[in-house]
Amino acid sequence: MVDTATTAADGAFRFIDLSAGEYTVIAAGYPPVATVLQVAGGGRTERDLHLGHED
């Protein structure tokens, strides 16, 4: 594990000062969702994660 984050009220989250590389983001509290992000470093990477519980 490199870091953890908690979402804001609007669902946004961020990690600060990540080195360039590949990271896997895993959302807890929902059915398993894992998303791989490529981070260039020194910039901003955005990705939408679609989470939800089946009815």
PDB file of N, CA and C in Angstrom:
ATOM      1  N   MET A   1       0.842  -1.162   0.000  1.00  0.00           N
ATOM      2  CA  MET A   1       0.000   0.000   0.000  1.00  0.00           C
ATOM      3  C   MET A   1       0.897   1.237   0.000  1.00  0.00           C
ATOM      4  N   VAL A   2       0.559   2.173  -0.867  1.00  0.00           N
ATOM      5  CA  VAL A   2       1.315   3.417  -0.971  1.00  0.00           C
ATOM      6  C   VAL A   2       0.655   4.504  -0.147  1.00  0.00           C
ATOM      7  N   ASP A   3      -0.679   4.597  -0.226  1.00  0.00           N
ATOM      8  CA  ASP A   3      -1.399   5.667   0.460  1.00  0.00           C
ATOM      9  C   ASP A   3      -2.872   5.310   0.529  1.00  0.00           C
ATOM     10  N   THR A   4      -3.608   6.018   1.360  1.00  0.00           N
ATOM     11  CA  THR A   4      -5.056   5.882   1.419  1.00  0.00           C
ATOM     12  C   THR A   4      -5.668   7.270   1.328  1.00  0.00           C
ATOM     13  N   ALA A   5      -6.936   7.324   0.924  1.00  0.00           N
ATOM     14  CA  ALA A   5      -7.645   8.600   0.837  1.00  0.00           C
ATOM     15  C   ALA A   5      -9.109   8.359   1.160  1.00  0.00           C
ATOM     16  N   THR A   6      -9.750   9.383   1.661  1.00  0.00           N
ATOM     17  CA  THR A   6     -11.182   9.363   1.920  1.00  0.00           C
ATOM     18  C   THR A   6     -11.823  10.390   1.013  1.00  0.00           C
ATOM     19  N   THR A   7     -12.962  10.046   0.437  1.00  0.00           N
ATOM     20  CA  THR A   7     -13.609  10.970  -0.491  1.00  0.00           C
ATOM     21  C   THR A   7     -14.219  12.153   0.238  1.00  0.00           C
ATOM     22  N   ALA A   8     -14.341  13.254  -0.488  1.00  0.00           N
ATOM     23  CA  ALA A   8     -15.053  14.428  -0.002  1.00  0.00           C
ATOM     24  C   ALA A   8     -16.553  14.175  -0.163  1.00  0.00           C
ATOM     25  N   ALA A   9     -17.378  15.116   0.260  1.00  0.00           N
ATOM     26  CA  ALA A   9     -18.832  14.965   0.162  1.00  0.00           C
ATOM     27  C   ALA A   9     -19.286  14.715  -1.275  1.00  0.00           C
ATOM     28  N   ASP A  10     -18.557  15.268  -2.249  1.00  0.00           N
ATOM     29  CA  ASP A  10     -18.932  15.096  -3.660  1.00  0.00           C
ATOM     30  C   ASP A  10     -18.322  13.844  -4.282  1.00  0.00           C
ATOM     31  N   GLY A  11     -17.593  13.056  -3.490  1.00  0.00           N
ATOM     32  CA  GLY A  11     -16.994  11.824  -3.993  1.00  0.00           C
ATOM     33  C   GLY A  11     -15.584  11.989  -4.536  1.00  0.00           C
ATOM     34  N   ALA A  12     -15.091  13.222  -4.573  1.00  0.00           N
ATOM     35  CA  ALA A  12     -13.746  13.475  -5.105  1.00  0.00           C
ATOM     36  C   ALA A  12     -12.679  13.018  -4.101  1.00  0.00           C
ATOM     37  N   PHE A  13     -11.559  12.587  -4.638  1.00  0.00           N
ATOM     38  CA  PHE A  13     -10.421  12.219  -3.796  1.00  0.00           C
ATOM     39  C   PHE A  13      -9.150  12.588  -4.535  1.00  0.00           C
ATOM     40  N   ARG A  14      -8.052  12.688  -3.798  1.00  0.00           N
ATOM     41  CA  ARG A  14      -6.777  12.956  -4.454  1.00  0.00           C
ATOM     42  C   ARG A  14      -5.625  12.455  -3.604  1.00  0.00           C
ATOM     43  N   PHE A  15      -4.554  12.161  -4.314  1.00  0.00           N
ATOM     44  CA  PHE A  15      -3.285  11.797  -3.702  1.00  0.00           C
ATOM     45  C   PHE A  15      -2.291  12.860  -4.141  1.00  0.00           C
ATOM     46  N   ILE A  16      -1.452  13.292  -3.242  1.00  0.00           N
ATOM     47  CA  ILE A  16      -0.510  14.368  -3.537  1.00  0.00           C
ATOM     48  C   ILE A  16       0.907  13.806  -3.576  1.00  0.00           C
ATOM     49  N   ASP A  17       1.680  14.289  -4.545  1.00  0.00           N
ATOM     50  CA  ASP A  17       3.105  13.951  -4.668  1.00  0.00           C
ATOM     51  C   ASP A  17       3.379  12.470  -4.929  1.00  0.00           C
ATOM     52  N   LEU A  18       2.584  11.848  -5.784  1.00  0.00           N
ATOM     53  CA  LEU A  18       2.887  10.474  -6.185  1.00  0.00           C
ATOM     54  C   LEU A  18       4.002  10.485  -7.218  1.00  0.00           C
ATOM     55  N   SER A  19       4.890   9.548  -7.115  1.00  0.00           N
ATOM     56  CA  SER A  19       5.926   9.396  -8.135  1.00  0.00           C
ATOM     57  C   SER A  19       5.294   8.839  -9.398  1.00  0.00           C
ATOM     58  N   ALA A  20       5.930   9.079 -10.534  1.00  0.00           N
ATOM     59  CA  ALA A  20       5.442   8.527 -11.796  1.00  0.00           C
ATOM     60  C   ALA A  20       5.396   7.011 -11.690  1.00  0.00           C
ATOM     61  N   GLY A  21       4.397   6.401 -12.303  1.00  0.00           N
ATOM     62  CA  GLY A  21       4.291   4.948 -12.283  1.00  0.00           C
ATOM     63  C   GLY A  21       2.859   4.489 -12.410  1.00  0.00           C
ATOM     64  N   GLU A  22       2.652   3.221 -12.145  1.00  0.00           N
ATOM     65  CA  GLU A  22       1.334   2.604 -12.247  1.00  0.00           C
ATOM     66  C   GLU A  22       0.829   2.297 -10.847  1.00  0.00           C
ATOM     67  N   TYR A  23      -0.407   2.691 -10.580  1.00  0.00           N
ATOM     68  CA  TYR A  23      -1.017   2.489  -9.273  1.00  0.00           C
ATOM     69  C   TYR A  23      -2.371   1.817  -9.454  1.00  0.00           C
ATOM     70  N   THR A  24      -2.736   0.976  -8.508  1.00  0.00           N
ATOM     71  CA  THR A  24      -4.057   0.362  -8.505  1.00  0.00           C
ATOM     72  C   THR A  24      -4.870   1.008  -7.394  1.00  0.00           C
ATOM     73  N   VAL A  25      -6.021   1.570  -7.761  1.00  0.00           N
ATOM     74  CA  VAL A  25      -6.924   2.197  -6.796  1.00  0.00           C
ATOM     75  C   VAL A  25      -8.041   1.204  -6.508  1.00  0.00           C
ATOM     76  N   ILE A  26      -8.249   0.915  -5.234  1.00  0.00           N
ATOM     77  CA  ILE A  26      -9.282  -0.029  -4.822  1.00  0.00           C
ATOM     78  C   ILE A  26     -10.250   0.699  -3.897  1.00  0.00           C
ATOM     79  N   ALA A  27     -11.538   0.646  -4.227  1.00  0.00           N
ATOM     80  CA  ALA A  27     -12.568   1.289  -3.414  1.00  0.00           C
ATOM     81  C   ALA A  27     -13.087   0.302  -2.380  1.00  0.00           C
ATOM     82  N   ALA A  28     -13.107   0.707  -1.124  1.00  0.00           N
ATOM     83  CA  ALA A  28     -13.611  -0.137  -0.043  1.00  0.00           C
ATOM     84  C   ALA A  28     -15.078   0.196   0.227  1.00  0.00           C
ATOM     85  N   GLY A  29     -15.823  -0.784   0.711  1.00  0.00           N
ATOM     86  CA  GLY A  29     -17.208  -0.551   1.077  1.00  0.00           C
ATOM     87  C   GLY A  29     -18.192  -0.748  -0.062  1.00  0.00           C
ATOM     88  N   TYR A  30     -17.712  -1.180  -1.204  1.00  0.00           N
ATOM     89  CA  TYR A  30     -18.542  -1.435  -2.378  1.00  0.00           C
ATOM     90  C   TYR A  30     -18.153  -2.792  -2.935  1.00  0.00           C
ATOM     91  N   PRO A  31     -18.976  -3.332  -3.837  1.00  0.00           N
ATOM     92  CA  PRO A  31     -18.520  -4.552  -4.507  1.00  0.00           C
ATOM     93  C   PRO A  31     -17.133  -4.304  -5.107  1.00  0.00           C
ATOM     94  N   PRO A  32     -16.293  -5.319  -5.190  1.00  0.00           N
ATOM     95  CA  PRO A  32     -14.899  -5.109  -5.616  1.00  0.00           C
ATOM     96  C   PRO A  32     -14.763  -4.313  -6.913  1.00  0.00           C
ATOM     97  N   VAL A  33     -14.020  -3.235  -6.812  1.00  0.00           N
ATOM     98  CA  VAL A  33     -13.692  -2.398  -7.966  1.00  0.00           C
ATOM     99  C   VAL A  33     -12.226  -2.025  -7.828  1.00  0.00           C
ATOM    100  N   ALA A  34     -11.446  -2.301  -8.832  1.00  0.00           N
ATOM    101  CA  ALA A  34     -10.039  -1.896  -8.842  1.00  0.00           C
ATOM    102  C   ALA A  34      -9.762  -1.243 -10.184  1.00  0.00           C
ATOM    103  N   THR A  35      -9.111  -0.102 -10.155  1.00  0.00           N
ATOM    104  CA  THR A  35      -8.792   0.637 -11.367  1.00  0.00           C
ATOM    105  C   THR A  35      -7.300   0.922 -11.389  1.00  0.00           C
ATOM    106  N   VAL A  36      -6.657   0.644 -12.503  1.00  0.00           N
ATOM    107  CA  VAL A  36      -5.228   0.923 -12.652  1.00  0.00           C
ATOM    108  C   VAL A  36      -5.066   2.314 -13.249  1.00  0.00           C
ATOM    109  N   LEU A  37      -4.227   3.126 -12.627  1.00  0.00           N
ATOM    110  CA  LEU A  37      -3.945   4.478 -13.105  1.00  0.00           C
ATOM    111  C   LEU A  37      -2.483   4.600 -13.493  1.00  0.00           C
ATOM    112  N   GLN A  38      -2.227   5.226 -14.610  1.00  0.00           N
ATOM    113  CA  GLN A  38      -0.867   5.578 -15.013  1.00  0.00           C
ATOM    114  C   GLN A  38      -0.648   7.030 -14.606  1.00  0.00           C
ATOM    115  N   VAL A  39       0.322   7.280 -13.754  1.00  0.00           N
ATOM    116  CA  VAL A  39       0.611   8.625 -13.273  1.00  0.00           C
ATOM    117  C   VAL A  39       1.926   9.076 -13.880  1.00  0.00           C
ATOM    118  N   ALA A  40       1.897  10.241 -14.536  1.00  0.00           N
ATOM    119  CA  ALA A  40       3.100  10.766 -15.174  1.00  0.00           C
ATOM    120  C   ALA A  40       4.000  11.468 -14.167  1.00  0.00           C
ATOM    121  N   GLY A  41       3.452  11.938 -13.071  1.00  0.00           N
ATOM    122  CA  GLY A  41       4.224  12.672 -12.073  1.00  0.00           C
ATOM    123  C   GLY A  41       4.318  14.136 -12.445  1.00  0.00           C
ATOM    124  N   GLY A  42       4.215  14.993 -11.437  1.00  0.00           N
ATOM    125  CA  GLY A  42       4.330  16.426 -11.669  1.00  0.00           C
ATOM    126  C   GLY A  42       3.121  17.037 -12.348  1.00  0.00           C
ATOM    127  N   GLY A  43       2.054  16.304 -12.483  1.00  0.00           N
ATOM    128  CA  GLY A  43       0.860  16.817 -13.140  1.00  0.00           C
ATOM    129  C   GLY A  43      -0.387  16.278 -12.484  1.00  0.00           C
ATOM    130  N   ARG A  44      -1.437  16.271 -13.247  1.00  0.00           N
ATOM    131  CA  ARG A  44      -2.732  15.846 -12.730  1.00  0.00           C
ATOM    132  C   ARG A  44      -3.266  14.697 -13.585  1.00  0.00           C
ATOM    133  N   THR A  45      -3.742  13.661 -12.923  1.00  0.00           N
ATOM    134  CA  THR A  45      -4.376  12.537 -13.597  1.00  0.00           C
ATOM    135  C   THR A  45      -5.791  12.423 -13.055  1.00  0.00           C
ATOM    136  N   GLU A  46      -6.776  12.387 -13.937  1.00  0.00           N
ATOM    137  CA  GLU A  46      -8.162  12.267 -13.492  1.00  0.00           C
ATOM    138  C   GLU A  46      -8.758  10.961 -13.994  1.00  0.00           C
ATOM    139  N   ARG A  47      -9.578  10.353 -13.158  1.00  0.00           N
ATOM    140  CA  ARG A  47     -10.256   9.110 -13.533  1.00  0.00           C
ATOM    141  C   ARG A  47     -11.557   9.042 -12.756  1.00  0.00           C
ATOM    142  N   ASP A  48     -12.649   8.709 -13.410  1.00  0.00           N
ATOM    143  CA  ASP A  48     -13.933   8.488 -12.750  1.00  0.00           C
ATOM    144  C   ASP A  48     -14.056   7.014 -12.404  1.00  0.00           C
ATOM    145  N   LEU A  49     -14.426   6.738 -11.167  1.00  0.00           N
ATOM    146  CA  LEU A  49     -14.706   5.375 -10.727  1.00  0.00           C
ATOM    147  C   LEU A  49     -16.207   5.265 -10.528  1.00  0.00           C
ATOM    148  N   HIS A  50     -16.831   4.290 -11.146  1.00  0.00           N
ATOM    149  CA  HIS A  50     -18.273   4.100 -11.021  1.00  0.00           C
ATOM    150  C   HIS A  50     -18.532   3.017  -9.986  1.00  0.00           C
ATOM    151  N   LEU A  51     -19.091   3.437  -8.854  1.00  0.00           N
ATOM    152  CA  LEU A  51     -19.336   2.540  -7.739  1.00  0.00           C
ATOM    153  C   LEU A  51     -20.829   2.435  -7.482  1.00  0.00           C
ATOM    154  N   GLY A  52     -21.244   1.341  -6.931  1.00  0.00           N
ATOM    155  CA  GLY A  52     -22.646   1.199  -6.565  1.00  0.00           C
ATOM    156  C   GLY A  52     -22.937  -0.201  -6.083  1.00  0.00           C
ATOM    157  N   HIS A  53     -24.062  -0.314  -5.426  1.00  0.00           N
ATOM    158  CA  HIS A  53     -24.524  -1.615  -4.961  1.00  0.00           C
ATOM    159  C   HIS A  53     -25.646  -2.070  -5.878  1.00  0.00           C
ATOM    160  N   GLU A  54     -25.678  -3.354  -6.191  1.00  0.00           N
ATOM    161  CA  GLU A  54     -26.764  -3.880  -7.007  1.00  0.00           C
ATOM    162  C   GLU A  54     -28.036  -3.890  -6.176  1.00  0.00           C
ATOM    163  N   ASP A  55     -29.153  -3.582  -6.811  1.00  0.00           N
ATOM    164  CA  ASP A  55     -30.449  -3.571  -6.106  1.00  0.00           C
ATOM    165  C   ASP A  55     -30.949  -4.969  -5.876  1.00  0.00           C
TER     166      ASP A  55
END
